N, C-alpha and C. Protein backbone atom coordinates (compact mmCIF):
# COMPACT_ATOMS: atom_id res chain seq x y z
N GLN A 1 141.01 76.74 80.86
CA GLN A 1 141.65 75.77 79.99
C GLN A 1 142.91 76.38 79.41
N VAL A 2 144.01 75.64 79.49
CA VAL A 2 145.28 76.14 79.00
C VAL A 2 145.36 75.95 77.49
N GLN A 3 145.84 76.97 76.81
CA GLN A 3 146.05 76.91 75.37
C GLN A 3 147.44 77.39 75.03
N LEU A 4 147.96 76.91 73.91
CA LEU A 4 149.23 77.39 73.38
C LEU A 4 148.93 78.18 72.11
N VAL A 5 149.39 79.42 72.09
CA VAL A 5 149.12 80.32 70.97
C VAL A 5 150.44 80.65 70.27
N GLU A 6 150.53 80.26 69.00
CA GLU A 6 151.76 80.44 68.24
C GLU A 6 151.68 81.67 67.34
N SER A 7 152.85 82.21 67.03
CA SER A 7 152.94 83.32 66.09
C SER A 7 154.33 83.34 65.48
N GLY A 8 154.48 84.09 64.38
CA GLY A 8 155.79 84.31 63.81
C GLY A 8 156.06 83.62 62.50
N GLY A 9 155.14 82.78 62.03
CA GLY A 9 155.37 82.12 60.75
C GLY A 9 155.23 83.09 59.60
N GLY A 10 155.61 82.62 58.41
CA GLY A 10 155.49 83.47 57.23
C GLY A 10 156.32 82.95 56.09
N LEU A 11 156.49 83.81 55.10
CA LEU A 11 157.25 83.47 53.90
C LEU A 11 158.62 84.14 53.97
N VAL A 12 159.66 83.38 53.71
CA VAL A 12 161.02 83.91 53.76
C VAL A 12 161.84 83.25 52.66
N GLN A 13 162.83 83.96 52.16
CA GLN A 13 163.71 83.39 51.15
C GLN A 13 164.75 82.48 51.79
N ALA A 14 165.25 81.54 51.02
CA ALA A 14 166.30 80.65 51.52
C ALA A 14 167.48 81.49 52.02
N GLY A 15 168.01 81.08 53.17
CA GLY A 15 169.09 81.81 53.81
C GLY A 15 168.62 82.83 54.83
N GLY A 16 167.32 83.08 54.85
CA GLY A 16 166.76 84.06 55.76
C GLY A 16 166.48 83.49 57.13
N SER A 17 165.86 84.32 57.98
CA SER A 17 165.58 83.95 59.37
C SER A 17 164.13 84.26 59.73
N LEU A 18 163.63 83.49 60.67
CA LEU A 18 162.33 83.73 61.28
C LEU A 18 162.42 83.36 62.75
N ARG A 19 161.57 83.99 63.55
CA ARG A 19 161.49 83.64 64.97
C ARG A 19 160.04 83.30 65.31
N LEU A 20 159.84 82.08 65.75
CA LEU A 20 158.51 81.64 66.17
C LEU A 20 158.36 81.82 67.67
N SER A 21 157.14 82.15 68.09
CA SER A 21 156.82 82.26 69.50
C SER A 21 155.62 81.40 69.82
N CYS A 22 155.55 80.93 71.05
CA CYS A 22 154.41 80.13 71.48
C CYS A 22 154.18 80.43 72.96
N ALA A 23 153.03 81.02 73.25
CA ALA A 23 152.72 81.43 74.62
C ALA A 23 151.59 80.58 75.20
N ALA A 24 151.78 80.15 76.42
CA ALA A 24 150.73 79.42 77.13
C ALA A 24 149.79 80.42 77.79
N THR A 25 148.51 80.28 77.52
CA THR A 25 147.51 81.18 78.10
C THR A 25 146.54 80.37 78.95
N GLY A 26 145.91 81.06 79.90
CA GLY A 26 144.98 80.37 80.80
C GLY A 26 145.64 80.10 82.14
N ARG A 27 144.87 79.52 83.01
CA ARG A 27 145.35 79.27 84.36
C ARG A 27 146.16 77.98 84.39
N LEU A 28 147.41 78.08 84.84
CA LEU A 28 148.25 76.91 84.92
C LEU A 28 149.12 76.97 86.16
N PHE A 29 149.63 75.79 86.55
CA PHE A 29 150.47 75.72 87.74
C PHE A 29 151.95 75.66 87.37
N ALA A 30 152.28 74.84 86.37
CA ALA A 30 153.69 74.68 85.99
C ALA A 30 153.79 74.14 84.57
N ILE A 31 154.89 74.48 83.92
CA ILE A 31 155.21 73.95 82.60
C ILE A 31 156.52 73.21 82.69
N ASN A 32 156.54 71.97 82.26
CA ASN A 32 157.78 71.20 82.22
C ASN A 32 158.45 71.41 80.86
N ALA A 33 158.71 70.35 80.13
CA ALA A 33 159.39 70.50 78.85
C ALA A 33 158.49 71.22 77.84
N MET A 34 159.14 71.98 76.96
CA MET A 34 158.46 72.65 75.85
C MET A 34 159.18 72.24 74.57
N ARG A 35 158.43 72.04 73.50
CA ARG A 35 158.99 71.47 72.28
C ARG A 35 158.42 72.15 71.03
N TRP A 36 159.13 71.99 69.96
CA TRP A 36 158.65 72.35 68.63
C TRP A 36 158.67 71.11 67.75
N TYR A 37 157.62 70.95 66.97
CA TYR A 37 157.50 69.91 65.96
C TYR A 37 157.20 70.60 64.63
N ARG A 38 157.32 69.87 63.55
CA ARG A 38 156.92 70.39 62.25
C ARG A 38 156.37 69.27 61.38
N GLN A 39 155.51 69.66 60.45
CA GLN A 39 154.92 68.70 59.53
C GLN A 39 154.87 69.29 58.14
N SER A 40 155.58 68.63 57.21
CA SER A 40 155.59 69.04 55.82
C SER A 40 154.48 68.29 55.09
N PRO A 41 154.03 68.83 53.95
CA PRO A 41 152.96 68.17 53.20
C PRO A 41 153.33 66.73 52.85
N GLY A 42 152.45 65.81 53.15
CA GLY A 42 152.66 64.41 52.82
C GLY A 42 153.60 63.66 53.74
N LYS A 43 154.06 64.33 54.80
CA LYS A 43 155.00 63.68 55.73
C LYS A 43 154.42 63.63 57.13
N GLN A 44 155.00 62.75 57.94
CA GLN A 44 154.58 62.67 59.32
C GLN A 44 155.14 63.85 60.12
N ARG A 45 154.49 64.13 61.23
CA ARG A 45 154.98 65.19 62.11
C ARG A 45 156.34 64.78 62.67
N GLU A 46 157.26 65.74 62.68
CA GLU A 46 158.64 65.49 63.07
C GLU A 46 159.01 66.35 64.27
N TRP A 47 159.65 65.75 65.26
CA TRP A 47 160.17 66.51 66.39
C TRP A 47 161.35 67.37 65.92
N VAL A 48 161.41 68.61 66.39
CA VAL A 48 162.47 69.53 65.98
C VAL A 48 163.41 69.85 67.14
N ALA A 49 162.84 70.25 68.29
CA ALA A 49 163.69 70.68 69.40
C ALA A 49 162.90 70.64 70.70
N THR A 50 163.65 70.52 71.79
CA THR A 50 163.10 70.51 73.14
C THR A 50 163.92 71.40 74.05
N VAL A 51 163.22 72.11 74.93
CA VAL A 51 163.90 72.81 76.03
C VAL A 51 163.25 72.36 77.33
N SER A 52 164.07 71.91 78.27
CA SER A 52 163.54 71.43 79.54
C SER A 52 163.22 72.61 80.46
N SER A 53 162.61 72.30 81.59
CA SER A 53 162.30 73.34 82.55
C SER A 53 163.57 73.97 83.10
N GLY A 54 164.66 73.21 83.07
CA GLY A 54 165.94 73.74 83.54
C GLY A 54 166.75 74.43 82.47
N GLY A 55 166.27 74.42 81.23
CA GLY A 55 166.95 75.13 80.15
C GLY A 55 167.81 74.26 79.25
N SER A 56 167.88 72.96 79.52
CA SER A 56 168.63 72.07 78.63
C SER A 56 167.93 71.95 77.29
N THR A 57 168.70 71.85 76.22
CA THR A 57 168.12 71.82 74.88
C THR A 57 168.61 70.61 74.09
N ASN A 58 167.75 70.18 73.17
CA ASN A 58 168.09 69.11 72.23
C ASN A 58 167.47 69.42 70.89
N TYR A 59 168.13 68.96 69.81
CA TYR A 59 167.69 69.27 68.45
C TYR A 59 167.78 68.04 67.56
N VAL A 60 166.90 68.00 66.57
CA VAL A 60 167.06 67.01 65.51
C VAL A 60 168.29 67.41 64.70
N ASP A 61 169.01 66.42 64.18
CA ASP A 61 170.28 66.70 63.52
C ASP A 61 170.15 67.71 62.37
N SER A 62 169.05 67.68 61.66
CA SER A 62 168.90 68.52 60.46
C SER A 62 168.84 70.02 60.77
N VAL A 63 168.62 70.40 62.02
CA VAL A 63 168.54 71.83 62.36
C VAL A 63 169.65 72.28 63.30
N LYS A 64 170.48 71.36 63.72
CA LYS A 64 171.56 71.74 64.64
C LYS A 64 172.47 72.78 64.01
N GLY A 65 172.79 73.81 64.79
CA GLY A 65 173.63 74.88 64.29
C GLY A 65 172.87 75.97 63.55
N ARG A 66 171.60 75.73 63.24
CA ARG A 66 170.79 76.74 62.54
C ARG A 66 169.61 77.23 63.38
N PHE A 67 169.02 76.36 64.16
CA PHE A 67 167.86 76.70 64.99
C PHE A 67 168.28 76.77 66.46
N THR A 68 167.62 77.67 67.19
CA THR A 68 167.84 77.78 68.62
C THR A 68 166.49 77.85 69.34
N ILE A 69 166.28 76.92 70.28
CA ILE A 69 165.08 76.94 71.09
C ILE A 69 165.40 77.59 72.43
N SER A 70 164.47 78.40 72.92
CA SER A 70 164.66 79.04 74.22
C SER A 70 163.30 79.26 74.85
N ARG A 71 163.30 79.61 76.13
CA ARG A 71 162.05 79.84 76.82
C ARG A 71 162.18 80.99 77.79
N ASP A 72 161.07 81.67 78.01
CA ASP A 72 160.96 82.71 79.03
C ASP A 72 159.91 82.22 80.01
N SER A 73 160.38 81.67 81.12
CA SER A 73 159.45 81.07 82.07
C SER A 73 158.51 82.09 82.70
N ALA A 74 158.97 83.31 82.84
CA ALA A 74 158.11 84.35 83.41
C ALA A 74 156.92 84.67 82.51
N LYS A 75 157.12 84.46 81.21
CA LYS A 75 156.06 84.73 80.24
C LYS A 75 155.39 83.45 79.75
N ASN A 76 155.80 82.31 80.27
CA ASN A 76 155.25 81.02 79.82
C ASN A 76 155.33 80.88 78.30
N THR A 77 156.47 81.25 77.75
CA THR A 77 156.63 81.33 76.30
C THR A 77 157.88 80.56 75.86
N VAL A 78 157.75 79.88 74.74
CA VAL A 78 158.89 79.22 74.11
C VAL A 78 159.11 79.85 72.74
N TYR A 79 160.36 79.92 72.34
CA TYR A 79 160.73 80.53 71.06
C TYR A 79 161.51 79.54 70.22
N LEU A 80 161.48 79.75 68.91
CA LEU A 80 162.34 79.01 68.01
C LEU A 80 162.94 80.01 67.02
N GLN A 81 164.21 80.30 67.20
CA GLN A 81 164.94 81.17 66.28
C GLN A 81 165.48 80.30 65.16
N MET A 82 165.08 80.60 63.94
CA MET A 82 165.47 79.79 62.78
C MET A 82 166.31 80.65 61.84
N ASN A 83 167.55 80.26 61.67
CA ASN A 83 168.48 80.96 60.78
C ASN A 83 168.89 80.06 59.63
N SER A 84 169.45 80.66 58.60
CA SER A 84 169.92 79.90 57.43
C SER A 84 168.85 78.93 56.94
N LEU A 85 167.66 79.44 56.79
CA LEU A 85 166.54 78.58 56.41
C LEU A 85 166.71 78.01 55.01
N LYS A 86 166.22 76.79 54.85
CA LYS A 86 166.29 76.07 53.60
C LYS A 86 164.87 75.74 53.12
N PRO A 87 164.69 75.52 51.83
CA PRO A 87 163.35 75.14 51.34
C PRO A 87 162.79 73.91 52.06
N GLU A 88 163.65 72.99 52.44
CA GLU A 88 163.18 71.78 53.11
C GLU A 88 162.71 72.04 54.54
N ASP A 89 162.90 73.25 55.04
CA ASP A 89 162.35 73.62 56.34
C ASP A 89 160.88 74.04 56.24
N THR A 90 160.38 74.13 55.02
CA THR A 90 158.98 74.50 54.82
C THR A 90 158.06 73.48 55.49
N ALA A 91 157.18 73.97 56.37
CA ALA A 91 156.31 73.08 57.13
C ALA A 91 155.36 73.91 57.99
N VAL A 92 154.38 73.25 58.55
CA VAL A 92 153.61 73.83 59.64
C VAL A 92 154.34 73.47 60.93
N TYR A 93 154.65 74.48 61.72
CA TYR A 93 155.39 74.28 62.97
C TYR A 93 154.40 74.33 64.14
N TYR A 94 154.51 73.33 65.00
CA TYR A 94 153.64 73.21 66.16
C TYR A 94 154.46 73.27 67.45
N CYS A 95 153.96 73.98 68.44
CA CYS A 95 154.59 73.88 69.74
C CYS A 95 153.81 72.90 70.61
N ASN A 96 154.48 72.38 71.58
CA ASN A 96 153.95 71.34 72.46
C ASN A 96 154.56 71.55 73.84
N ALA A 97 153.78 71.36 74.87
CA ALA A 97 154.31 71.54 76.22
C ALA A 97 153.63 70.59 77.18
N ASP A 98 154.39 70.18 78.19
CA ASP A 98 153.86 69.35 79.27
C ASP A 98 153.45 70.29 80.40
N ILE A 99 152.14 70.39 80.63
CA ILE A 99 151.61 71.42 81.52
C ILE A 99 150.80 70.80 82.64
N ARG A 100 151.05 71.31 83.85
CA ARG A 100 150.21 70.98 85.01
C ARG A 100 149.27 72.16 85.24
N SER A 101 147.99 71.90 85.19
CA SER A 101 147.02 72.99 85.32
C SER A 101 146.81 73.40 86.78
N SER A 102 147.11 72.49 87.70
CA SER A 102 146.97 72.83 89.11
C SER A 102 147.95 71.99 89.92
N TYR A 103 148.08 72.31 91.18
CA TYR A 103 148.98 71.58 92.07
C TYR A 103 148.61 70.10 92.13
N TRP A 104 147.30 69.81 92.04
CA TRP A 104 146.82 68.45 92.23
C TRP A 104 146.81 67.63 90.94
N SER A 105 147.04 68.26 89.81
CA SER A 105 146.90 67.55 88.54
C SER A 105 148.25 67.04 88.05
N GLN A 106 148.18 66.00 87.24
CA GLN A 106 149.39 65.50 86.58
C GLN A 106 149.66 66.32 85.32
N SER A 107 150.89 66.19 84.84
CA SER A 107 151.27 66.89 83.62
C SER A 107 150.58 66.25 82.42
N SER A 108 150.12 67.08 81.50
CA SER A 108 149.53 66.57 80.27
C SER A 108 150.05 67.38 79.09
N ALA A 109 150.08 66.75 77.93
CA ALA A 109 150.61 67.39 76.73
C ALA A 109 149.56 68.30 76.09
N VAL A 110 149.98 69.50 75.79
CA VAL A 110 149.11 70.48 75.12
C VAL A 110 149.78 70.88 73.81
N TRP A 111 148.98 71.01 72.75
CA TRP A 111 149.50 71.38 71.43
C TRP A 111 148.97 72.76 71.01
N GLY A 112 149.82 73.48 70.29
CA GLY A 112 149.38 74.70 69.65
C GLY A 112 148.66 74.38 68.33
N GLN A 113 148.14 75.43 67.69
CA GLN A 113 147.35 75.26 66.48
C GLN A 113 148.22 75.16 65.22
N GLY A 114 149.47 75.51 65.34
CA GLY A 114 150.38 75.46 64.21
C GLY A 114 150.53 76.80 63.51
N THR A 115 151.72 77.03 62.98
CA THR A 115 151.99 78.24 62.20
C THR A 115 152.82 77.83 60.99
N LEU A 116 152.45 78.36 59.83
CA LEU A 116 153.07 77.94 58.58
C LEU A 116 154.34 78.73 58.30
N VAL A 117 155.40 77.99 58.00
CA VAL A 117 156.67 78.58 57.57
C VAL A 117 156.93 78.10 56.14
N THR A 118 157.10 79.05 55.24
CA THR A 118 157.38 78.73 53.84
C THR A 118 158.71 79.36 53.46
N VAL A 119 159.63 78.53 52.98
CA VAL A 119 160.96 79.00 52.57
C VAL A 119 161.07 78.83 51.07
N SER A 120 161.22 79.95 50.37
CA SER A 120 161.31 79.91 48.92
C SER A 120 162.77 79.82 48.48
N SER A 121 162.98 79.14 47.36
CA SER A 121 164.36 78.96 46.84
C SER A 121 164.77 80.09 45.92
C-alpha cells in the first residue's frame, strides 16, 4: 500500500523559512501530479501548489513569490520551500499525489497525514 509521509513542520517566527518534505513509500508504478494543501483552524482545506510530472508548477496567489514546490522523481518526493513566512501561513500542511500502484491500475489520489506549521508574530 502506497503512503505519503510528510516531515519538516514546526514553529518559526514571521519572516523565517521552513522546508516541507513528502515521500511516497511502498510499491508504486508512477506518480503524476504532486500537490500541497493546507488547512487553518476553522477553515476549509486550501490548495497551495502543484508540480506536474514534467515539472510545471502552479501556486495560489497568496504564496506566489514566497513558496517554491519541487520534486525529486528518483526519490518519489515532493518539497515545499516556504520563505518570508507570515502568521496567516499557520496551518496543517498536507501533501497529495496522483499515484498508479501498478501498470494495470488507474491513478488514484493519496493523502499524507499532515504536518503542522506555526508562524509566530
